[in-house]
Amino acid sequence: MAQSQANGAQKPSNSPPPQTIILESSSPPLAFQTRDRTVSVPQKTPFQLLEPMPPERKLNPLPMFILGFFTPFVVWFLTMFLLEASWDLFGRRVGYALSDASCYALPLLYIGTLIYSFTKGNRSFGKGLLASVMAFIVLIGGLFFFFFLEYGI
């Protein structure tokens, strides 16, 4: 008996489904005007719209490229200066240890900076880092070419 009552409740009824009534608001639509900087907002909302953001200006990539180009050279010169100073102050043992450490640390620092600049940083900085390596390779190649011209090696 209980099953027959449960089945009776699940039977679809012939009455139409409830209607959904959509009421349109009588307030005027939002209007942004860039010349006057006026914003019209419906009065019944608790939110206040702020002035629209100005368009983003595209930054000039040249300063970051130049910074990326000269950064490896500056870091290398500072490292050599510190190695010379530590050699004079602390002797051979510390100088050799720092020299060995810099041989491992500088390439890792360069690779880490390069990865960071292309993933989360500025791409122009990364392009400058790559260009500095190319400049170093060109300078070494020019040195060998100069030796070949001068001494015929």
C-alpha atoms as a PDB file:
ATOM      1  CA  MET A   1       0.000   0.000   0.000  1.00  0.00           C
ATOM      2  CA  ALA A   2       2.823   2.345   0.798  1.00  0.00           C
ATOM      3  CA  GLN A   3       4.367   1.599  -2.571  1.00  0.00           C
ATOM      4  CA  SER A   4       1.224   2.564  -4.424  1.00  0.00           C
ATOM      5  CA  GLN A   5       1.110   5.930  -2.659  1.00  0.00           C
ATOM      6  CA  ALA A   6       4.778   6.560  -3.441  1.00  0.00           C
ATOM      7  CA  ASN A   7       4.258   5.698  -7.117  1.00  0.00           C
ATOM      8  CA  GLY A   8       1.232   7.987  -7.209  1.00  0.00           C
ATOM      9  CA  ALA A   9       3.295  10.928  -5.972  1.00  0.00           C
ATOM     10  CA  GLN A  10       5.877  10.434  -8.704  1.00  0.00           C
ATOM     11  CA  LYS A  11       3.385  10.500 -11.575  1.00  0.00           C
ATOM     12  CA  PRO A  12       3.647  13.646 -13.692  1.00  0.00           C
ATOM     13  CA  SER A  13       0.729  15.984 -13.389  1.00  0.00           C
ATOM     14  CA  ASN A  14      -1.116  17.501 -16.309  1.00  0.00           C
ATOM     15  CA  SER A  15      -0.764  21.028 -14.947  1.00  0.00           C
ATOM     16  CA  PRO A  16       1.715  23.307 -16.794  1.00  0.00           C
ATOM     17  CA  PRO A  17       5.102  24.047 -15.173  1.00  0.00           C
ATOM     18  CA  PRO A  18       5.437  27.233 -13.151  1.00  0.00           C
ATOM     19  CA  GLN A  19       6.212  30.297 -15.243  1.00  0.00           C
ATOM     20  CA  THR A  20       9.284  32.440 -14.602  1.00  0.00           C
ATOM     21  CA  ILE A  21       8.663  36.142 -14.819  1.00  0.00           C
ATOM     22  CA  ILE A  22      11.667  38.329 -15.642  1.00  0.00           C
ATOM     23  CA  LEU A  23      11.260  41.904 -14.592  1.00  0.00           C
ATOM     24  CA  GLU A  24      13.417  44.470 -16.347  1.00  0.00           C
ATOM     25  CA  SER A  25      14.792  47.257 -14.243  1.00  0.00           C
ATOM     26  CA  SER A  26      13.476  50.708 -14.947  1.00  0.00           C
ATOM     27  CA  SER A  27      16.858  52.324 -14.253  1.00  0.00           C
ATOM     28  CA  PRO A  28      18.956  53.570 -17.192  1.00  0.00           C
ATOM     29  CA  PRO A  29      21.782  51.341 -18.405  1.00  0.00           C
ATOM     30  CA  LEU A  30      25.371  52.011 -17.427  1.00  0.00           C
ATOM     31  CA  ALA A  31      27.074  54.529 -19.647  1.00  0.00           C
ATOM     32  CA  PHE A  32      30.789  55.272 -19.718  1.00  0.00           C
ATOM     33  CA  GLN A  33      31.911  58.373 -21.525  1.00  0.00           C
ATOM     34  CA  THR A  34      35.623  58.931 -21.864  1.00  0.00           C
ATOM     35  CA  ARG A  35      35.441  62.577 -22.889  1.00  0.00           C
ATOM     36  CA  ASP A  36      33.392  63.883 -19.971  1.00  0.00           C
ATOM     37  CA  ARG A  37      34.461  61.215 -17.514  1.00  0.00           C
ATOM     38  CA  THR A  38      30.843  60.889 -16.413  1.00  0.00           C
ATOM     39  CA  VAL A  39      29.346  57.648 -15.224  1.00  0.00           C
ATOM     40  CA  SER A  40      25.632  57.071 -14.805  1.00  0.00           C
ATOM     41  CA  VAL A  41      24.780  54.337 -12.318  1.00  0.00           C
ATOM     42  CA  PRO A  42      21.408  53.021 -11.200  1.00  0.00           C
ATOM     43  CA  GLN A  43      20.476  54.565  -7.875  1.00  0.00           C
ATOM     44  CA  LYS A  44      19.259  51.333  -6.283  1.00  0.00           C
ATOM     45  CA  THR A  45      22.623  49.529  -6.210  1.00  0.00           C
ATOM     46  CA  PRO A  46      24.875  49.555  -3.148  1.00  0.00           C
ATOM     47  CA  PHE A  47      27.961  49.641  -5.382  1.00  0.00           C
ATOM     48  CA  GLN A  48      29.640  52.754  -6.607  1.00  0.00           C
ATOM     49  CA  LEU A  49      31.503  52.494  -9.902  1.00  0.00           C
ATOM     50  CA  LEU A  50      34.888  54.114 -10.035  1.00  0.00           C
ATOM     51  CA  GLU A  51      36.341  55.979 -12.950  1.00  0.00           C
ATOM     52  CA  PRO A  52      37.472  53.612 -15.716  1.00  0.00           C
ATOM     53  CA  MET A  53      41.156  52.742 -15.761  1.00  0.00           C
ATOM     54  CA  PRO A  54      43.300  54.588 -18.286  1.00  0.00           C
ATOM     55  CA  PRO A  55      44.672  52.403 -21.059  1.00  0.00           C
ATOM     56  CA  GLU A  56      47.997  50.748 -20.325  1.00  0.00           C
ATOM     57  CA  ARG A  57      50.964  52.243 -22.083  1.00  0.00           C
ATOM     58  CA  LYS A  58      53.400  49.860 -23.683  1.00  0.00           C
ATOM     59  CA  LEU A  59      56.796  50.251 -22.079  1.00  0.00           C
ATOM     60  CA  ASN A  60      59.900  50.802 -24.150  1.00  0.00           C
ATOM     61  CA  PRO A  61      61.858  47.501 -24.172  1.00  0.00           C
ATOM     62  CA  LEU A  62      65.221  49.122 -25.003  1.00  0.00           C
ATOM     63  CA  PRO A  63      66.304  50.043 -21.416  1.00  0.00           C
ATOM     64  CA  MET A  64      65.660  46.511 -20.166  1.00  0.00           C
ATOM     65  CA  PHE A  65      67.510  45.067 -23.167  1.00  0.00           C
ATOM     66  CA  ILE A  66      70.535  47.271 -22.428  1.00  0.00           C
ATOM     67  CA  LEU A  67      70.397  46.327 -18.747  1.00  0.00           C
ATOM     68  CA  GLY A  68      70.240  42.637 -19.665  1.00  0.00           C
ATOM     69  CA  PHE A  69      73.123  43.063 -22.107  1.00  0.00           C
ATOM     70  CA  PHE A  70      75.518  44.664 -19.619  1.00  0.00           C
ATOM     71  CA  THR A  71      74.506  42.747 -16.467  1.00  0.00           C
ATOM     72  CA  PRO A  72      76.679  39.626 -17.075  1.00  0.00           C
ATOM     73  CA  PHE A  73      79.743  41.773 -17.777  1.00  0.00           C
ATOM     74  CA  VAL A  74      79.228  43.866 -14.640  1.00  0.00           C
ATOM     75  CA  VAL A  75      78.703  40.753 -12.502  1.00  0.00           C
ATOM     76  CA  TRP A  76      81.831  39.148 -13.953  1.00  0.00           C
ATOM     77  CA  PHE A  77      83.984  42.252 -13.341  1.00  0.00           C
ATOM     78  CA  LEU A  78      82.697  42.564  -9.769  1.00  0.00           C
ATOM     79  CA  THR A  79      83.416  38.882  -9.164  1.00  0.00           C
ATOM     80  CA  MET A  80      86.968  39.249 -10.466  1.00  0.00           C
ATOM     81  CA  PHE A  81      87.475  42.311  -8.265  1.00  0.00           C
ATOM     82  CA  LEU A  82      86.245  40.431  -5.191  1.00  0.00           C
ATOM     83  CA  LEU A  83      88.431  37.432  -6.036  1.00  0.00           C
ATOM     84  CA  GLU A  84      91.511  39.660  -6.267  1.00  0.00           C
ATOM     85  CA  ALA A  85      90.640  41.381  -2.997  1.00  0.00           C
ATOM     86  CA  SER A  86      90.077  38.069  -1.210  1.00  0.00           C
ATOM     87  CA  TRP A  87      93.346  36.722  -2.617  1.00  0.00           C
ATOM     88  CA  ASP A  88      95.225  39.689  -1.144  1.00  0.00           C
ATOM     89  CA  LEU A  89      93.385  39.688   2.177  1.00  0.00           C
ATOM     90  CA  PHE A  90      92.995  35.993   2.990  1.00  0.00           C
ATOM     91  CA  GLY A  91      95.642  34.181   0.975  1.00  0.00           C
ATOM     92  CA  ARG A  92      95.676  31.389  -1.542  1.00  0.00           C
ATOM     93  CA  ARG A  93      93.437  28.914   0.203  1.00  0.00           C
ATOM     94  CA  VAL A  94      90.410  31.217   0.351  1.00  0.00           C
ATOM     95  CA  GLY A  95      91.171  32.638  -3.108  1.00  0.00           C
ATOM     96  CA  TYR A  96      91.129  29.177  -4.690  1.00  0.00           C
ATOM     97  CA  ALA A  97      87.906  28.220  -2.916  1.00  0.00           C
ATOM     98  CA  LEU A  98      86.146  31.403  -4.036  1.00  0.00           C
ATOM     99  CA  SER A  99      87.482  30.996  -7.560  1.00  0.00           C
ATOM    100  CA  ASP A 100      86.128  27.453  -7.754  1.00  0.00           C
ATOM    101  CA  ALA A 101      82.803  28.541  -6.289  1.00  0.00           C
ATOM    102  CA  SER A 102      82.469  31.360  -8.806  1.00  0.00           C
ATOM    103  CA  CYS A 103      83.097  28.927 -11.671  1.00  0.00           C
ATOM    104  CA  TYR A 104      79.965  27.053 -10.593  1.00  0.00           C
ATOM    105  CA  ALA A 105      77.869  29.929  -9.283  1.00  0.00           C
ATOM    106  CA  LEU A 106      78.151  32.382 -12.185  1.00  0.00           C
ATOM    107  CA  PRO A 107      76.808  30.053 -14.914  1.00  0.00           C
ATOM    108  CA  LEU A 108      74.033  28.856 -12.607  1.00  0.00           C
ATOM    109  CA  LEU A 109      73.161  32.455 -11.765  1.00  0.00           C
ATOM    110  CA  TYR A 110      73.090  33.314 -15.467  1.00  0.00           C
ATOM    111  CA  ILE A 111      70.885  30.353 -16.383  1.00  0.00           C
ATOM    112  CA  GLY A 112      68.524  31.018 -13.477  1.00  0.00           C
ATOM    113  CA  THR A 113      68.228  34.693 -14.386  1.00  0.00           C
ATOM    114  CA  LEU A 114      67.598  33.797 -18.015  1.00  0.00           C
ATOM    115  CA  ILE A 115      64.843  31.332 -17.123  1.00  0.00           C
ATOM    116  CA  TYR A 116      63.242  33.775 -14.685  1.00  0.00           C
ATOM    117  CA  SER A 117      63.333  36.655 -17.177  1.00  0.00           C
ATOM    118  CA  PHE A 118      61.547  34.664 -19.875  1.00  0.00           C
ATOM    119  CA  THR A 119      58.971  33.034 -17.590  1.00  0.00           C
ATOM    120  CA  LYS A 120      58.021  35.686 -15.047  1.00  0.00           C
ATOM    121  CA  GLY A 121      60.174  38.691 -15.710  1.00  0.00           C
ATOM    122  CA  ASN A 122      60.771  40.943 -18.669  1.00  0.00           C
ATOM    123  CA  ARG A 123      61.412  39.307 -22.047  1.00  0.00           C
ATOM    124  CA  SER A 124      63.546  42.242 -23.180  1.00  0.00           C
ATOM    125  CA  PHE A 125      65.888  41.620 -20.248  1.00  0.00           C
ATOM    126  CA  GLY A 126      66.199  37.965 -21.305  1.00  0.00           C
ATOM    127  CA  LYS A 127      66.909  38.955 -24.895  1.00  0.00           C
ATOM    128  CA  GLY A 128      69.656  41.256 -23.610  1.00  0.00           C
ATOM    129  CA  LEU A 129      71.149  38.372 -21.621  1.00  0.00           C
ATOM    130  CA  LEU A 130      71.175  36.201 -24.741  1.00  0.00           C
ATOM    131  CA  ALA A 131      72.720  39.002 -26.781  1.00  0.00           C
ATOM    132  CA  SER A 132      75.513  39.397 -24.215  1.00  0.00           C
ATOM    133  CA  VAL A 133      76.481  35.748 -24.676  1.00  0.00           C
ATOM    134  CA  MET A 134      76.468  36.211 -28.436  1.00  0.00           C
ATOM    135  CA  ALA A 135      78.684  39.279 -28.051  1.00  0.00           C
ATOM    136  CA  PHE A 136      81.121  37.275 -25.923  1.00  0.00           C
ATOM    137  CA  ILE A 137      81.272  34.510 -28.550  1.00  0.00           C
ATOM    138  CA  VAL A 138      81.822  37.073 -31.329  1.00  0.00           C
ATOM    139  CA  LEU A 139      84.631  38.728 -29.339  1.00  0.00           C
ATOM    140  CA  ILE A 140      86.393  35.402 -28.723  1.00  0.00           C
ATOM    141  CA  GLY A 141      85.985  34.504 -32.409  1.00  0.00           C
ATOM    142  CA  GLY A 142      87.384  37.911 -33.372  1.00  0.00           C
ATOM    143  CA  LEU A 143      90.373  37.310 -31.090  1.00  0.00           C
ATOM    144  CA  PHE A 144      91.158  34.008 -32.800  1.00  0.00           C
ATOM    145  CA  PHE A 145      90.704  35.645 -36.218  1.00  0.00           C
ATOM    146  CA  PHE A 146      93.097  38.426 -35.170  1.00  0.00           C
ATOM    147  CA  PHE A 147      95.689  35.852 -34.047  1.00  0.00           C
ATOM    148  CA  PHE A 148      95.286  34.040 -37.358  1.00  0.00           C
ATOM    149  CA  LEU A 149      95.863  37.254 -39.322  1.00  0.00           C
ATOM    150  CA  GLU A 150      98.837  38.376 -37.243  1.00  0.00           C
ATOM    151  CA  TYR A 151     100.682  35.160 -36.590  1.00  0.00           C
ATOM    152  CA  GLY A 152      99.299  32.720 -39.174  1.00  0.00           C
ATOM    153  CA  ILE A 153      98.572  30.030 -36.596  1.00  0.00           C
END
